[in-house]
Amino acid sequence: MKIYSLLLLLLISTVQAATLYKLVKADGTVVFTDQPVEGAVPVDLPQINTAKPLAAKPVVPPPDARSSRPQVQYQVAITTPAPEATLRDNLGRVQIQASVQPDPRGAGSYQLLLDGKVVETSPSPGFSLSGVNRGEHSIQVNFLSNSGKILASSPQQVFYLHQASALINPR
């Protein structure tokens, strides 16, 4: 590509240095040529206006708006169920509600961990689980940025799920 550009520049410079001739044929057509032909007259071309380019100013990147903004420290708390609460549901349904301070105003998402494993991610801080086995369970809610980075986590919280047993014989 550089070779073609160089050849084009050389060609243009030779064309600029050449003298042009104008020839009017017998039928009235006008021919321009760079070869001196019998009956052709040299053409005086006006000087080409050129301008030197202005020196480019160095581009200064704008200050990063994210770096100048103070980092918000979020706090997540599980509001439902209460710590060490005993829940009774034969189908294993559990409602979990969390809150974040300060209010994230819809930015980010929430991630629920049940017994240390991610079970659900939601745009709202409320979760509804079903089919949870009876016994002791730990829950934790993470508040995530839009890129998936954990911004804040609630402390782990324990709850107990009781279910009626089919083995108990009612009298």
C-alpha atoms as a PDB file:
ATOM      1  CA  MET A   1       0.000   0.000   0.000  1.00  0.00           C
ATOM      2  CA  LYS A   2       2.888   2.367   0.798  1.00  0.00           C
ATOM      3  CA  ILE A   3       4.444   1.653  -2.586  1.00  0.00           C
ATOM      4  CA  TYR A   4       1.230   2.562  -4.399  1.00  0.00           C
ATOM      5  CA  SER A   5       0.964   5.799  -2.439  1.00  0.00           C
ATOM      6  CA  LEU A   6       4.558   6.695  -3.293  1.00  0.00           C
ATOM      7  CA  LEU A   7       4.024   5.942  -6.996  1.00  0.00           C
ATOM      8  CA  LEU A   8       0.870   8.058  -7.012  1.00  0.00           C
ATOM      9  CA  LEU A   9       2.744  10.984  -5.456  1.00  0.00           C
ATOM     10  CA  LEU A  10       5.535  10.699  -8.026  1.00  0.00           C
ATOM     11  CA  LEU A  11       2.997  10.569 -10.855  1.00  0.00           C
ATOM     12  CA  ILE A  12       1.166  13.627  -9.548  1.00  0.00           C
ATOM     13  CA  SER A  13       4.395  15.584  -9.170  1.00  0.00           C
ATOM     14  CA  THR A  14       5.436  14.813 -12.770  1.00  0.00           C
ATOM     15  CA  VAL A  15       2.009  15.818 -14.063  1.00  0.00           C
ATOM     16  CA  GLN A  16       2.217  19.121 -12.211  1.00  0.00           C
ATOM     17  CA  ALA A  17       5.617  19.851 -13.756  1.00  0.00           C
ATOM     18  CA  ALA A  18       4.484  19.055 -17.327  1.00  0.00           C
ATOM     19  CA  THR A  19       3.312  21.738 -19.766  1.00  0.00           C
ATOM     20  CA  LEU A  20      -0.207  21.360 -21.137  1.00  0.00           C
ATOM     21  CA  TYR A  21      -1.132  22.021 -24.745  1.00  0.00           C
ATOM     22  CA  LYS A  22      -4.509  22.846 -26.258  1.00  0.00           C
ATOM     23  CA  LEU A  23      -5.358  21.725 -29.786  1.00  0.00           C
ATOM     24  CA  VAL A  24      -8.553  22.565 -31.662  1.00  0.00           C
ATOM     25  CA  LYS A  25      -9.256  20.005 -34.403  1.00  0.00           C
ATOM     26  CA  ALA A  26     -10.885  20.773 -37.769  1.00  0.00           C
ATOM     27  CA  ASP A  27     -14.283  19.471 -36.565  1.00  0.00           C
ATOM     28  CA  GLY A  28     -14.170  21.856 -33.551  1.00  0.00           C
ATOM     29  CA  THR A  29     -13.339  19.391 -30.813  1.00  0.00           C
ATOM     30  CA  VAL A  30     -10.836  20.551 -28.235  1.00  0.00           C
ATOM     31  CA  VAL A  31      -8.054  18.200 -27.152  1.00  0.00           C
ATOM     32  CA  PHE A  32      -5.699  18.774 -24.233  1.00  0.00           C
ATOM     33  CA  THR A  33      -2.396  16.945 -24.240  1.00  0.00           C
ATOM     34  CA  ASP A  34       1.002  16.990 -22.597  1.00  0.00           C
ATOM     35  CA  GLN A  35       2.732  16.304 -25.929  1.00  0.00           C
ATOM     36  CA  PRO A  36       3.652  19.266 -28.148  1.00  0.00           C
ATOM     37  CA  VAL A  37       1.640  18.613 -31.329  1.00  0.00           C
ATOM     38  CA  GLU A  38       1.658  20.759 -34.480  1.00  0.00           C
ATOM     39  CA  GLY A  39      -0.933  23.544 -34.085  1.00  0.00           C
ATOM     40  CA  ALA A  40      -1.175  23.158 -30.290  1.00  0.00           C
ATOM     41  CA  VAL A  41      -0.715  26.172 -28.054  1.00  0.00           C
ATOM     42  CA  PRO A  42       0.627  26.006 -24.479  1.00  0.00           C
ATOM     43  CA  VAL A  43      -1.984  26.543 -21.776  1.00  0.00           C
ATOM     44  CA  ASP A  44      -1.137  28.813 -18.866  1.00  0.00           C
ATOM     45  CA  LEU A  45      -2.683  27.361 -15.720  1.00  0.00           C
ATOM     46  CA  PRO A  46      -3.299  29.532 -12.681  1.00  0.00           C
ATOM     47  CA  GLN A  47      -1.173  28.791  -9.664  1.00  0.00           C
ATOM     48  CA  ILE A  48      -2.751  26.250  -7.307  1.00  0.00           C
ATOM     49  CA  ASN A  49      -3.583  27.641  -3.897  1.00  0.00           C
ATOM     50  CA  THR A  50      -2.154  25.598  -1.086  1.00  0.00           C
ATOM     51  CA  ALA A  51      -2.417  25.973   2.633  1.00  0.00           C
ATOM     52  CA  LYS A  52      -0.216  24.528   5.295  1.00  0.00           C
ATOM     53  CA  PRO A  53      -2.122  22.420   7.795  1.00  0.00           C
ATOM     54  CA  LEU A  54      -2.481  23.732  11.302  1.00  0.00           C
ATOM     55  CA  ALA A  55      -0.648  21.898  14.009  1.00  0.00           C
ATOM     56  CA  ALA A  56      -3.009  19.559  15.786  1.00  0.00           C
ATOM     57  CA  LYS A  57      -3.573  20.221  19.455  1.00  0.00           C
ATOM     58  CA  PRO A  58      -2.954  17.213  21.663  1.00  0.00           C
ATOM     59  CA  VAL A  59      -6.154  15.541  22.729  1.00  0.00           C
ATOM     60  CA  VAL A  60      -6.694  15.693  26.455  1.00  0.00           C
ATOM     61  CA  PRO A  61      -9.032  12.938  27.626  1.00  0.00           C
ATOM     62  CA  PRO A  62     -11.918  14.183  29.751  1.00  0.00           C
ATOM     63  CA  PRO A  63     -11.705  13.336  33.424  1.00  0.00           C
ATOM     64  CA  ASP A  64     -13.321  10.018  34.181  1.00  0.00           C
ATOM     65  CA  ALA A  65     -16.676  10.726  35.763  1.00  0.00           C
ATOM     66  CA  ARG A  66     -16.644   7.390  37.568  1.00  0.00           C
ATOM     67  CA  SER A  67     -13.329   8.028  39.302  1.00  0.00           C
ATOM     68  CA  SER A  68     -14.361  11.469  40.584  1.00  0.00           C
ATOM     69  CA  ARG A  69     -17.665  10.190  41.959  1.00  0.00           C
ATOM     70  CA  PRO A  70     -17.422   8.956  45.569  1.00  0.00           C
ATOM     71  CA  GLN A  71     -17.837   5.199  45.890  1.00  0.00           C
ATOM     72  CA  VAL A  72     -21.175   4.314  47.501  1.00  0.00           C
ATOM     73  CA  GLN A  73     -21.000   1.785  50.326  1.00  0.00           C
ATOM     74  CA  TYR A  74     -24.137  -0.368  50.205  1.00  0.00           C
ATOM     75  CA  GLN A  75     -25.401  -2.415  53.131  1.00  0.00           C
ATOM     76  CA  VAL A  76     -27.649  -5.444  52.651  1.00  0.00           C
ATOM     77  CA  ALA A  77     -29.904  -6.848  55.384  1.00  0.00           C
ATOM     78  CA  ILE A  78     -32.308  -9.795  55.309  1.00  0.00           C
ATOM     79  CA  THR A  79     -35.637  -8.593  56.706  1.00  0.00           C
ATOM     80  CA  THR A  80     -37.664 -11.805  56.299  1.00  0.00           C
ATOM     81  CA  PRO A  81     -37.347 -14.394  57.801  1.00  0.00           C
ATOM     82  CA  ALA A  82     -36.003 -13.207  61.138  1.00  0.00           C
ATOM     83  CA  PRO A  83     -32.689 -14.676  62.322  1.00  0.00           C
ATOM     84  CA  GLU A  84     -33.108 -18.236  63.635  1.00  0.00           C
ATOM     85  CA  ALA A  85     -36.819 -18.177  62.767  1.00  0.00           C
ATOM     86  CA  THR A  86     -38.771 -21.413  62.656  1.00  0.00           C
ATOM     87  CA  LEU A  87     -40.949 -21.717  59.550  1.00  0.00           C
ATOM     88  CA  ARG A  88     -43.637 -24.338  59.074  1.00  0.00           C
ATOM     89  CA  ASP A  89     -44.600 -25.299  55.528  1.00  0.00           C
ATOM     90  CA  ASN A  90     -45.217 -28.826  54.266  1.00  0.00           C
ATOM     91  CA  LEU A  91     -44.370 -27.863  50.665  1.00  0.00           C
ATOM     92  CA  GLY A  92     -41.080 -26.241  51.636  1.00  0.00           C
ATOM     93  CA  ARG A  93     -42.086 -22.734  50.573  1.00  0.00           C
ATOM     94  CA  VAL A  94     -39.939 -19.924  51.957  1.00  0.00           C
ATOM     95  CA  GLN A  95     -40.331 -16.182  51.357  1.00  0.00           C
ATOM     96  CA  ILE A  96     -37.114 -14.166  51.675  1.00  0.00           C
ATOM     97  CA  GLN A  97     -37.003 -10.380  51.634  1.00  0.00           C
ATOM     98  CA  ALA A  98     -33.894  -8.185  51.777  1.00  0.00           C
ATOM     99  CA  SER A  99     -33.247  -4.454  51.863  1.00  0.00           C
ATOM    100  CA  VAL A 100     -30.337  -2.334  50.637  1.00  0.00           C
ATOM    101  CA  GLN A 101     -29.191   0.988  52.058  1.00  0.00           C
ATOM    102  CA  PRO A 102     -28.767   3.509  50.483  1.00  0.00           C
ATOM    103  CA  ASP A 103     -31.510   2.918  47.931  1.00  0.00           C
ATOM    104  CA  PRO A 104     -29.865   1.732  44.680  1.00  0.00           C
ATOM    105  CA  ARG A 105     -32.797   3.124  42.609  1.00  0.00           C
ATOM    106  CA  GLY A 106     -33.138   0.077  40.379  1.00  0.00           C
ATOM    107  CA  ALA A 107     -29.442  -0.269  39.588  1.00  0.00           C
ATOM    108  CA  GLY A 108     -27.980  -3.721  40.076  1.00  0.00           C
ATOM    109  CA  SER A 109     -29.484  -7.071  40.972  1.00  0.00           C
ATOM    110  CA  TYR A 110     -29.793  -9.393  43.953  1.00  0.00           C
ATOM    111  CA  GLN A 111     -28.399 -12.888  44.384  1.00  0.00           C
ATOM    112  CA  LEU A 112     -29.708 -15.392  46.939  1.00  0.00           C
ATOM    113  CA  LEU A 113     -27.444 -18.049  48.418  1.00  0.00           C
ATOM    114  CA  LEU A 114     -29.095 -20.985  50.188  1.00  0.00           C
ATOM    115  CA  ASP A 115     -26.687 -23.132  52.187  1.00  0.00           C
ATOM    116  CA  GLY A 116     -23.755 -21.440  50.415  1.00  0.00           C
ATOM    117  CA  LYS A 117     -25.022 -22.098  46.859  1.00  0.00           C
ATOM    118  CA  VAL A 118     -26.512 -19.544  44.474  1.00  0.00           C
ATOM    119  CA  VAL A 119     -30.154 -20.478  43.935  1.00  0.00           C
ATOM    120  CA  GLU A 120     -31.618 -17.353  42.349  1.00  0.00           C
ATOM    121  CA  THR A 121     -30.711 -13.955  40.899  1.00  0.00           C
ATOM    122  CA  SER A 122     -33.395 -11.292  40.700  1.00  0.00           C
ATOM    123  CA  PRO A 123     -33.746  -7.578  39.885  1.00  0.00           C
ATOM    124  CA  SER A 124     -35.788  -7.180  43.098  1.00  0.00           C
ATOM    125  CA  PRO A 125     -34.784  -7.980  46.688  1.00  0.00           C
ATOM    126  CA  GLY A 126     -37.627 -10.484  47.197  1.00  0.00           C
ATOM    127  CA  PHE A 127     -37.259 -14.231  46.648  1.00  0.00           C
ATOM    128  CA  SER A 128     -39.786 -17.052  46.740  1.00  0.00           C
ATOM    129  CA  LEU A 129     -38.430 -20.566  47.128  1.00  0.00           C
ATOM    130  CA  SER A 130     -40.301 -23.857  47.050  1.00  0.00           C
ATOM    131  CA  GLY A 131     -39.269 -27.436  47.625  1.00  0.00           C
ATOM    132  CA  VAL A 132     -36.817 -26.562  50.395  1.00  0.00           C
ATOM    133  CA  ASN A 133     -36.135 -29.618  52.562  1.00  0.00           C
ATOM    134  CA  ARG A 134     -36.857 -29.514  56.259  1.00  0.00           C
ATOM    135  CA  GLY A 135     -34.089 -28.698  58.672  1.00  0.00           C
ATOM    136  CA  GLU A 136     -31.586 -25.932  59.309  1.00  0.00           C
ATOM    137  CA  HIS A 137     -30.663 -23.655  56.391  1.00  0.00           C
ATOM    138  CA  SER A 138     -28.409 -20.631  55.998  1.00  0.00           C
ATOM    139  CA  ILE A 139     -29.233 -17.782  53.626  1.00  0.00           C
ATOM    140  CA  GLN A 140     -27.298 -14.791  52.364  1.00  0.00           C
ATOM    141  CA  VAL A 141     -28.204 -12.047  49.868  1.00  0.00           C
ATOM    142  CA  ASN A 142     -25.607 -10.327  47.666  1.00  0.00           C
ATOM    143  CA  PHE A 143     -26.196  -7.004  45.918  1.00  0.00           C
ATOM    144  CA  LEU A 144     -24.553  -7.075  42.467  1.00  0.00           C
ATOM    145  CA  SER A 145     -23.550  -4.296  40.084  1.00  0.00           C
ATOM    146  CA  ASN A 146     -24.842  -4.365  36.514  1.00  0.00           C
ATOM    147  CA  SER A 147     -21.562  -6.021  35.499  1.00  0.00           C
ATOM    148  CA  GLY A 148     -22.049  -8.799  38.096  1.00  0.00           C
ATOM    149  CA  LYS A 149     -19.545  -7.585  40.693  1.00  0.00           C
ATOM    150  CA  ILE A 150     -20.595  -8.076  44.325  1.00  0.00           C
ATOM    151  CA  LEU A 151     -21.082  -4.618  45.852  1.00  0.00           C
ATOM    152  CA  ALA A 152     -22.408  -5.734  49.252  1.00  0.00           C
ATOM    153  CA  SER A 153     -23.435  -8.892  51.094  1.00  0.00           C
ATOM    154  CA  SER A 154     -25.724  -9.542  54.008  1.00  0.00           C
ATOM    155  CA  PRO A 155     -24.450 -11.557  56.937  1.00  0.00           C
ATOM    156  CA  GLN A 156     -25.344 -15.245  56.783  1.00  0.00           C
ATOM    157  CA  GLN A 157     -28.577 -15.932  58.571  1.00  0.00           C
ATOM    158  CA  VAL A 158     -30.013 -19.240  59.780  1.00  0.00           C
ATOM    159  CA  PHE A 159     -33.651 -20.359  59.693  1.00  0.00           C
ATOM    160  CA  TYR A 160     -35.322 -23.674  60.492  1.00  0.00           C
ATOM    161  CA  LEU A 161     -37.972 -25.292  58.314  1.00  0.00           C
ATOM    162  CA  HIS A 162     -40.399 -27.722  59.944  1.00  0.00           C
ATOM    163  CA  GLN A 163     -42.655 -30.031  57.947  1.00  0.00           C
ATOM    164  CA  ALA A 164     -45.292 -32.408  59.213  1.00  0.00           C
ATOM    165  CA  SER A 165     -44.219 -36.000  58.927  1.00  0.00           C
ATOM    166  CA  ALA A 166     -46.407 -38.688  57.380  1.00  0.00           C
ATOM    167  CA  LEU A 167     -44.907 -41.116  59.890  1.00  0.00           C
ATOM    168  CA  ILE A 168     -46.550 -39.423  62.855  1.00  0.00           C
ATOM    169  CA  ASN A 169     -49.825 -41.206  63.629  1.00  0.00           C
ATOM    170  CA  PRO A 170     -52.528 -38.746  64.676  1.00  0.00           C
ATOM    171  CA  ARG A 171     -54.972 -40.154  67.304  1.00  0.00           C
END
